């Protein structure tokens, strides 16, 4: 069974904005199922960080991906450190 995964992260705005893309797929072309995650986090100041993104599932031949094909999600997070 062939599976591949990739993750790319890049910082912007003097390293206060971090953008991440992650993908995983089963089969050479993702035909057995795959998912992608897009995320961005921003340091508002030294103690506050906000993040958000989306996770997308692509159905394929595998039963797991058929079961979760309608479970795409959007997420938000705020972290305050003191």
N, C-alpha and C. Protein backbone atom coordinates (compact mmCIF):
# COMPACT_ATOMS: atom_id res chain seq x y z
N UNK A 1 0.85 -1.17 0.00
CA UNK A 1 0.00 0.00 0.00
C UNK A 1 0.90 1.24 0.00
N UNK A 2 0.68 2.12 -0.95
CA UNK A 2 1.50 3.32 -1.09
C UNK A 2 0.81 4.50 -0.43
N UNK A 3 1.56 5.20 0.40
CA UNK A 3 1.06 6.43 1.03
C UNK A 3 2.17 7.47 0.97
N UNK A 4 1.78 8.71 0.73
CA UNK A 4 2.76 9.80 0.77
C UNK A 4 2.21 10.93 1.63
N UNK A 5 3.12 11.70 2.19
CA UNK A 5 2.74 12.84 3.03
C UNK A 5 3.72 13.98 2.77
N UNK A 6 3.23 15.21 2.92
CA UNK A 6 4.07 16.39 2.73
C UNK A 6 3.63 17.47 3.71
N UNK A 7 4.61 18.24 4.19
CA UNK A 7 4.32 19.37 5.07
C UNK A 7 5.23 20.52 4.68
N UNK A 8 4.62 21.68 4.51
CA UNK A 8 5.36 22.90 4.19
C UNK A 8 4.98 23.97 5.20
N UNK A 9 5.97 24.63 5.76
CA UNK A 9 5.74 25.71 6.72
C UNK A 9 6.59 26.90 6.30
N UNK A 10 5.99 28.08 6.39
CA UNK A 10 6.70 29.30 6.01
C UNK A 10 6.33 30.42 6.98
N UNK A 11 7.30 31.21 7.40
CA UNK A 11 7.08 32.35 8.29
C UNK A 11 7.08 33.64 7.48
N UNK A 12 6.22 34.58 7.91
CA UNK A 12 6.11 35.88 7.27
C UNK A 12 6.05 36.97 8.35
N UNK A 13 6.14 38.21 7.95
CA UNK A 13 5.99 39.38 8.84
C UNK A 13 6.89 39.29 10.06
N UNK A 14 8.17 39.15 9.81
CA UNK A 14 9.17 39.05 10.89
C UNK A 14 8.85 37.92 11.86
N UNK A 15 8.44 36.81 11.33
CA UNK A 15 8.14 35.57 12.06
C UNK A 15 6.98 35.70 13.03
N UNK A 16 6.05 36.60 12.75
CA UNK A 16 4.84 36.68 13.58
C UNK A 16 3.69 35.90 12.94
N UNK A 17 3.77 35.64 11.64
CA UNK A 17 2.75 34.88 10.92
C UNK A 17 3.38 33.59 10.41
N UNK A 18 2.79 32.44 10.80
CA UNK A 18 3.29 31.14 10.35
C UNK A 18 2.17 30.44 9.58
N UNK A 19 2.46 30.05 8.34
CA UNK A 19 1.50 29.37 7.48
C UNK A 19 1.99 27.95 7.25
N UNK A 20 1.09 26.97 7.43
CA UNK A 20 1.45 25.56 7.28
C UNK A 20 0.45 24.87 6.37
N UNK A 21 0.97 24.05 5.47
CA UNK A 21 0.16 23.19 4.63
C UNK A 21 0.63 21.76 4.85
N UNK A 22 -0.30 20.86 5.08
CA UNK A 22 0.04 19.46 5.27
C UNK A 22 -0.95 18.62 4.46
N UNK A 23 -0.44 17.58 3.79
CA UNK A 23 -1.28 16.70 3.00
C UNK A 23 -0.80 15.27 3.14
N UNK A 24 -1.73 14.35 3.09
CA UNK A 24 -1.43 12.93 3.10
C UNK A 24 -2.39 12.25 2.14
N UNK A 25 -1.88 11.29 1.38
CA UNK A 25 -2.71 10.61 0.39
C UNK A 25 -2.34 9.14 0.31
N UNK A 26 -3.33 8.32 0.07
CA UNK A 26 -3.11 6.90 -0.16
C UNK A 26 -3.25 6.66 -1.65
N UNK A 27 -2.33 5.90 -2.21
CA UNK A 27 -2.26 5.70 -3.65
C UNK A 27 -1.41 6.79 -4.27
N UNK A 28 -0.81 6.51 -5.39
CA UNK A 28 0.10 7.48 -6.01
C UNK A 28 -0.58 8.79 -6.36
N UNK A 29 -1.84 8.71 -6.75
CA UNK A 29 -2.57 9.93 -7.14
C UNK A 29 -3.61 10.35 -6.11
N UNK A 30 -3.63 9.71 -4.94
CA UNK A 30 -4.61 10.03 -3.92
C UNK A 30 -5.96 9.40 -4.16
N UNK A 31 -6.04 8.46 -5.09
CA UNK A 31 -7.30 7.84 -5.44
C UNK A 31 -7.90 6.96 -4.36
N UNK A 32 -7.10 6.57 -3.38
CA UNK A 32 -7.60 5.74 -2.28
C UNK A 32 -8.08 6.58 -1.10
N UNK A 33 -7.91 7.89 -1.18
CA UNK A 33 -8.33 8.80 -0.12
C UNK A 33 -7.19 9.72 0.28
N UNK A 34 -7.54 10.90 0.74
CA UNK A 34 -6.51 11.86 1.14
C UNK A 34 -7.11 12.92 2.06
N UNK A 35 -6.22 13.68 2.68
CA UNK A 35 -6.67 14.85 3.43
C UNK A 35 -5.64 15.95 3.30
N UNK A 36 -6.11 17.18 3.45
CA UNK A 36 -5.25 18.36 3.43
C UNK A 36 -5.61 19.22 4.63
N UNK A 37 -4.58 19.83 5.20
CA UNK A 37 -4.79 20.75 6.32
C UNK A 37 -4.06 22.05 6.00
N UNK A 38 -4.79 23.15 6.08
CA UNK A 38 -4.25 24.49 5.86
C UNK A 38 -4.39 25.24 7.19
N UNK A 39 -3.30 25.83 7.67
CA UNK A 39 -3.34 26.49 8.97
C UNK A 39 -2.47 27.75 8.95
N UNK A 40 -2.93 28.76 9.69
CA UNK A 40 -2.14 29.99 9.87
C UNK A 40 -2.23 30.38 11.34
N UNK A 41 -1.09 30.81 11.89
CA UNK A 41 -1.10 31.32 13.27
C UNK A 41 -0.37 32.66 13.28
N UNK A 42 -0.85 33.55 14.12
CA UNK A 42 -0.33 34.91 14.17
C UNK A 42 -0.07 35.31 15.62
N UNK A 43 1.14 35.78 15.89
CA UNK A 43 1.49 36.30 17.22
C UNK A 43 1.07 37.76 17.28
N UNK A 44 -0.05 38.03 17.94
CA UNK A 44 -0.56 39.39 18.06
C UNK A 44 0.41 40.22 18.88
N UNK A 45 0.86 39.68 19.99
CA UNK A 45 1.91 40.28 20.82
C UNK A 45 2.63 39.14 21.54
N UNK A 46 3.47 39.48 22.52
CA UNK A 46 4.26 38.44 23.19
C UNK A 46 3.41 37.42 23.94
N UNK A 47 2.21 37.78 24.32
CA UNK A 47 1.40 36.86 25.12
C UNK A 47 0.16 36.32 24.41
N UNK A 48 -0.20 36.82 23.24
CA UNK A 48 -1.41 36.38 22.57
C UNK A 48 -1.10 35.84 21.18
N UNK A 49 -1.57 34.61 20.93
CA UNK A 49 -1.43 33.97 19.63
C UNK A 49 -2.81 33.51 19.18
N UNK A 50 -3.16 33.81 17.93
CA UNK A 50 -4.42 33.32 17.35
C UNK A 50 -4.08 32.45 16.14
N UNK A 51 -4.87 31.40 15.96
CA UNK A 51 -4.62 30.47 14.86
C UNK A 51 -5.96 30.01 14.30
N UNK A 52 -5.92 29.57 13.08
CA UNK A 52 -7.11 29.04 12.44
C UNK A 52 -6.75 28.29 11.18
N UNK A 53 -7.72 27.55 10.70
CA UNK A 53 -7.46 26.81 9.48
C UNK A 53 -8.63 25.95 9.08
N UNK A 54 -8.35 25.07 8.12
CA UNK A 54 -9.37 24.17 7.60
C UNK A 54 -8.73 22.82 7.31
N UNK A 55 -9.50 21.76 7.52
CA UNK A 55 -9.07 20.41 7.21
C UNK A 55 -10.09 19.81 6.25
N UNK A 56 -9.61 19.28 5.13
CA UNK A 56 -10.47 18.78 4.07
C UNK A 56 -10.14 17.32 3.79
N UNK A 57 -11.17 16.48 3.82
CA UNK A 57 -11.02 15.06 3.50
C UNK A 57 -11.53 14.80 2.09
N UNK A 58 -10.80 13.99 1.34
CA UNK A 58 -11.20 13.60 0.00
C UNK A 58 -11.52 12.11 0.02
N UNK A 59 -12.74 11.72 -0.34
CA UNK A 59 -13.08 10.30 -0.32
C UNK A 59 -12.30 9.54 -1.39
N UNK A 60 -12.15 8.27 -1.17
CA UNK A 60 -11.45 7.42 -2.12
C UNK A 60 -11.94 6.00 -1.99
N UNK A 61 -11.12 5.07 -2.38
CA UNK A 61 -11.50 3.65 -2.34
C UNK A 61 -11.47 3.07 -0.93
N UNK A 62 -10.69 3.65 -0.03
CA UNK A 62 -10.59 3.12 1.33
C UNK A 62 -11.86 3.45 2.12
N UNK A 63 -12.30 2.48 2.89
CA UNK A 63 -13.56 2.65 3.64
C UNK A 63 -13.45 3.78 4.68
N UNK A 64 -12.26 3.97 5.27
CA UNK A 64 -12.11 5.06 6.25
C UNK A 64 -12.43 6.41 5.62
N UNK A 65 -11.90 6.68 4.46
CA UNK A 65 -12.13 7.98 3.82
C UNK A 65 -13.57 8.12 3.31
N UNK A 66 -14.20 7.01 2.96
CA UNK A 66 -15.61 7.08 2.60
C UNK A 66 -16.45 7.47 3.81
N UNK A 67 -16.05 6.98 4.99
CA UNK A 67 -16.80 7.26 6.22
C UNK A 67 -16.63 8.71 6.69
N UNK A 68 -15.49 9.34 6.42
CA UNK A 68 -15.24 10.69 6.93
C UNK A 68 -15.32 11.77 5.86
N UNK A 69 -15.81 11.43 4.68
CA UNK A 69 -15.81 12.40 3.57
C UNK A 69 -16.61 13.66 3.86
N UNK A 70 -17.60 13.58 4.74
CA UNK A 70 -18.42 14.76 5.06
C UNK A 70 -18.03 15.39 6.39
N UNK A 71 -16.82 15.15 6.86
CA UNK A 71 -16.37 15.67 8.14
C UNK A 71 -15.30 16.74 8.02
N UNK A 72 -15.31 17.50 6.94
CA UNK A 72 -14.38 18.63 6.82
C UNK A 72 -14.61 19.55 8.01
N UNK A 73 -13.58 20.28 8.40
CA UNK A 73 -13.75 21.15 9.57
C UNK A 73 -12.98 22.44 9.43
N UNK A 74 -13.48 23.42 10.13
CA UNK A 74 -12.82 24.72 10.29
C UNK A 74 -12.49 24.85 11.76
N UNK A 75 -11.30 25.33 12.07
CA UNK A 75 -10.92 25.46 13.47
C UNK A 75 -10.30 26.82 13.76
N UNK A 76 -10.52 27.30 14.97
CA UNK A 76 -9.97 28.56 15.47
C UNK A 76 -9.41 28.31 16.85
N UNK A 77 -8.35 29.00 17.19
CA UNK A 77 -7.70 28.83 18.48
C UNK A 77 -7.11 30.16 18.92
N UNK A 78 -7.25 30.45 20.18
CA UNK A 78 -6.61 31.64 20.77
C UNK A 78 -5.86 31.18 22.01
N UNK A 79 -4.63 31.62 22.15
CA UNK A 79 -3.81 31.21 23.29
C UNK A 79 -3.22 32.46 23.94
N UNK A 80 -3.49 32.60 25.24
CA UNK A 80 -2.95 33.71 26.00
C UNK A 80 -2.00 33.15 27.04
N UNK A 81 -0.76 33.59 27.01
CA UNK A 81 0.26 33.15 27.98
C UNK A 81 0.57 34.29 28.92
N UNK A 82 0.63 33.97 30.20
CA UNK A 82 0.92 35.00 31.20
C UNK A 82 2.01 34.56 32.13
